[in-house]
Amino acid sequence: MKNNATPQAIFSQLKSENAISSELLPTYLAKLKKVTKLKKGYYFFRKGTSCNAFVNTLRSGRQQPIKLTFNNTRTLAEFAKKISKQLQFSEQEFLKYLTDKNTAT
């Protein structure tokens, strides 16, 4: 999900990727539940998940942990390149984060 994407935009994207069969019911439920923003992240849904459970999970932001694999990196630039391929940000964004003095050390 992109930052600050509306529920309707997310459901349209999921429909275009054939991840959901219809965007109408999730969009309606999101409006009914007054969902205006969804948290960016990795979500896992089993086949047959109810639309209500689907919208509630997105609304609450209950994300699944991800497995991140990397090896044989010598520099931060190499590390950023490998990690950016597995996550949803660019190599430059991650490298900037890693070298930021405000990032926890």
C-alpha atoms as a PDB file:
ATOM      1  CA  MET A   1       0.000   0.000   0.000  1.00  0.00           C
ATOM      2  CA  LYS A   2       1.149   3.488  -0.699  1.00  0.00           C
ATOM      3  CA  ASN A   3       1.270   6.048   2.083  1.00  0.00           C
ATOM      4  CA  ASN A   4      -2.017   7.851   2.674  1.00  0.00           C
ATOM      5  CA  ALA A   5      -3.887   5.813   0.067  1.00  0.00           C
ATOM      6  CA  THR A   6      -7.642   5.912   0.445  1.00  0.00           C
ATOM      7  CA  PRO A   7      -9.505   2.670   1.121  1.00  0.00           C
ATOM      8  CA  GLN A   8     -11.285   3.018  -2.223  1.00  0.00           C
ATOM      9  CA  ALA A   9      -7.952   3.314  -4.067  1.00  0.00           C
ATOM     10  CA  ILE A  10      -6.572   0.269  -2.239  1.00  0.00           C
ATOM     11  CA  PHE A  11      -9.661  -1.833  -2.971  1.00  0.00           C
ATOM     12  CA  SER A  12      -9.577  -0.779  -6.641  1.00  0.00           C
ATOM     13  CA  GLN A  13      -5.936  -1.823  -6.850  1.00  0.00           C
ATOM     14  CA  LEU A  14      -6.674  -5.168  -5.173  1.00  0.00           C
ATOM     15  CA  LYS A  15      -9.563  -5.761  -7.601  1.00  0.00           C
ATOM     16  CA  SER A  16      -7.344  -4.992 -10.607  1.00  0.00           C
ATOM     17  CA  GLU A  17      -4.809  -7.523  -9.288  1.00  0.00           C
ATOM     18  CA  ASN A  18      -7.609 -10.103  -8.810  1.00  0.00           C
ATOM     19  CA  ALA A  19      -6.842 -10.256  -5.074  1.00  0.00           C
ATOM     20  CA  ILE A  20     -10.500  -9.548  -4.274  1.00  0.00           C
ATOM     21  CA  SER A  21     -13.573 -10.348  -6.328  1.00  0.00           C
ATOM     22  CA  SER A  22     -15.280  -6.980  -5.879  1.00  0.00           C
ATOM     23  CA  GLU A  23     -14.325  -3.588  -4.538  1.00  0.00           C
ATOM     24  CA  LEU A  24     -17.903  -2.484  -3.864  1.00  0.00           C
ATOM     25  CA  LEU A  25     -18.580  -4.241  -0.554  1.00  0.00           C
ATOM     26  CA  PRO A  26     -15.210  -3.438   1.073  1.00  0.00           C
ATOM     27  CA  THR A  27     -15.563   0.195  -0.019  1.00  0.00           C
ATOM     28  CA  TYR A  28     -19.088   0.357   1.397  1.00  0.00           C
ATOM     29  CA  LEU A  29     -18.014  -1.263   4.694  1.00  0.00           C
ATOM     30  CA  ALA A  30     -15.035   1.077   4.989  1.00  0.00           C
ATOM     31  CA  LYS A  31     -17.348   4.082   4.556  1.00  0.00           C
ATOM     32  CA  LEU A  32     -19.835   2.621   7.032  1.00  0.00           C
ATOM     33  CA  LYS A  33     -17.057   2.091   9.584  1.00  0.00           C
ATOM     34  CA  LYS A  34     -15.660   5.575   8.860  1.00  0.00           C
ATOM     35  CA  VAL A  35     -12.285   4.270   7.698  1.00  0.00           C
ATOM     36  CA  THR A  36     -10.439   7.096   5.987  1.00  0.00           C
ATOM     37  CA  LYS A  37      -6.809   5.875   6.086  1.00  0.00           C
ATOM     38  CA  LEU A  38      -5.192   2.467   6.033  1.00  0.00           C
ATOM     39  CA  LYS A  39      -1.830   1.662   7.537  1.00  0.00           C
ATOM     40  CA  LYS A  40       0.869   0.745   5.070  1.00  0.00           C
ATOM     41  CA  GLY A  41       2.266  -2.717   5.602  1.00  0.00           C
ATOM     42  CA  TYR A  42       2.110  -6.427   4.893  1.00  0.00           C
ATOM     43  CA  TYR A  43      -1.227  -8.110   5.489  1.00  0.00           C
ATOM     44  CA  PHE A  44      -2.071 -11.781   5.065  1.00  0.00           C
ATOM     45  CA  PHE A  45      -5.605 -13.025   4.442  1.00  0.00           C
ATOM     46  CA  ARG A  46      -6.666 -16.615   4.064  1.00  0.00           C
ATOM     47  CA  LYS A  47      -8.896 -17.502   1.148  1.00  0.00           C
ATOM     48  CA  GLY A  48     -12.494 -17.140   2.245  1.00  0.00           C
ATOM     49  CA  THR A  49     -11.865 -14.348   4.770  1.00  0.00           C
ATOM     50  CA  SER A  50     -15.113 -12.450   5.271  1.00  0.00           C
ATOM     51  CA  CYS A  51     -15.319  -8.934   3.947  1.00  0.00           C
ATOM     52  CA  ASN A  52     -16.009  -7.660   7.459  1.00  0.00           C
ATOM     53  CA  ALA A  53     -12.877  -9.371   8.859  1.00  0.00           C
ATOM     54  CA  PHE A  54     -10.901  -8.062   5.875  1.00  0.00           C
ATOM     55  CA  VAL A  55     -11.913  -4.433   6.482  1.00  0.00           C
ATOM     56  CA  ASN A  56     -11.488  -4.758  10.273  1.00  0.00           C
ATOM     57  CA  THR A  57      -7.943  -6.084   9.862  1.00  0.00           C
ATOM     58  CA  LEU A  58      -6.981  -3.251   7.541  1.00  0.00           C
ATOM     59  CA  ARG A  59      -8.656  -0.701   9.805  1.00  0.00           C
ATOM     60  CA  SER A  60      -6.844  -1.941  12.914  1.00  0.00           C
ATOM     61  CA  GLY A  61      -3.496  -2.212  11.156  1.00  0.00           C
ATOM     62  CA  ARG A  62      -2.885  -5.812  12.300  1.00  0.00           C
ATOM     63  CA  GLN A  63       0.000  -6.643  10.027  1.00  0.00           C
ATOM     64  CA  GLN A  64       1.954  -9.854   9.620  1.00  0.00           C
ATOM     65  CA  PRO A  65       5.676  -9.954  10.371  1.00  0.00           C
ATOM     66  CA  ILE A  66       7.867 -10.397   7.341  1.00  0.00           C
ATOM     67  CA  LYS A  67      10.987 -12.482   6.826  1.00  0.00           C
ATOM     68  CA  LEU A  68      13.889 -10.514   5.503  1.00  0.00           C
ATOM     69  CA  THR A  69      16.889 -12.301   4.032  1.00  0.00           C
ATOM     70  CA  PHE A  70      20.281 -10.845   3.242  1.00  0.00           C
ATOM     71  CA  ASN A  71      23.844 -12.108   3.193  1.00  0.00           C
ATOM     72  CA  ASN A  72      27.282 -11.241   1.874  1.00  0.00           C
ATOM     73  CA  THR A  73      26.957  -7.484   2.083  1.00  0.00           C
ATOM     74  CA  ARG A  74      29.974  -5.339   2.779  1.00  0.00           C
ATOM     75  CA  THR A  75      28.644  -1.807   2.510  1.00  0.00           C
ATOM     76  CA  LEU A  76      25.487  -0.002   3.496  1.00  0.00           C
ATOM     77  CA  ALA A  77      24.823   0.649  -0.193  1.00  0.00           C
ATOM     78  CA  GLU A  78      24.915  -3.103  -0.961  1.00  0.00           C
ATOM     79  CA  PHE A  79      22.684  -3.777   2.038  1.00  0.00           C
ATOM     80  CA  ALA A  80      20.190  -1.089   0.990  1.00  0.00           C
ATOM     81  CA  LYS A  81      20.096  -2.479  -2.554  1.00  0.00           C
ATOM     82  CA  LYS A  82      19.288  -6.028  -1.364  1.00  0.00           C
ATOM     83  CA  ILE A  83      16.696  -4.932   1.194  1.00  0.00           C
ATOM     84  CA  SER A  84      14.911  -2.507  -1.146  1.00  0.00           C
ATOM     85  CA  LYS A  85      14.187  -5.391  -3.530  1.00  0.00           C
ATOM     86  CA  GLN A  86      12.264  -7.160  -0.756  1.00  0.00           C
ATOM     87  CA  LEU A  87      10.426  -4.158   0.693  1.00  0.00           C
ATOM     88  CA  GLN A  88       8.368  -1.297  -0.632  1.00  0.00           C
ATOM     89  CA  PHE A  89      10.863   1.553  -0.668  1.00  0.00           C
ATOM     90  CA  SER A  90      13.749   2.575  -2.856  1.00  0.00           C
ATOM     91  CA  GLU A  91      17.416   1.889  -2.285  1.00  0.00           C
ATOM     92  CA  GLN A  92      18.015   5.626  -1.850  1.00  0.00           C
ATOM     93  CA  GLU A  93      15.215   6.005   0.747  1.00  0.00           C
ATOM     94  CA  PHE A  94      16.562   3.130   2.821  1.00  0.00           C
ATOM     95  CA  LEU A  95      20.163   4.326   2.565  1.00  0.00           C
ATOM     96  CA  LYS A  96      19.064   7.796   3.681  1.00  0.00           C
ATOM     97  CA  TYR A  97      17.275   6.207   6.662  1.00  0.00           C
ATOM     98  CA  LEU A  98      20.346   4.140   7.587  1.00  0.00           C
ATOM     99  CA  THR A  99      22.654   7.152   7.498  1.00  0.00           C
ATOM    100  CA  ASP A 100      20.273   9.578   9.247  1.00  0.00           C
ATOM    101  CA  LYS A 101      21.648  10.717  12.615  1.00  0.00           C
ATOM    102  CA  ASN A 102      18.118  10.644  14.068  1.00  0.00           C
ATOM    103  CA  THR A 103      17.795   6.914  13.396  1.00  0.00           C
ATOM    104  CA  ALA A 104      18.396   4.803  16.490  1.00  0.00           C
ATOM    105  CA  THR A 105      21.912   3.439  16.706  1.00  0.00           C
END
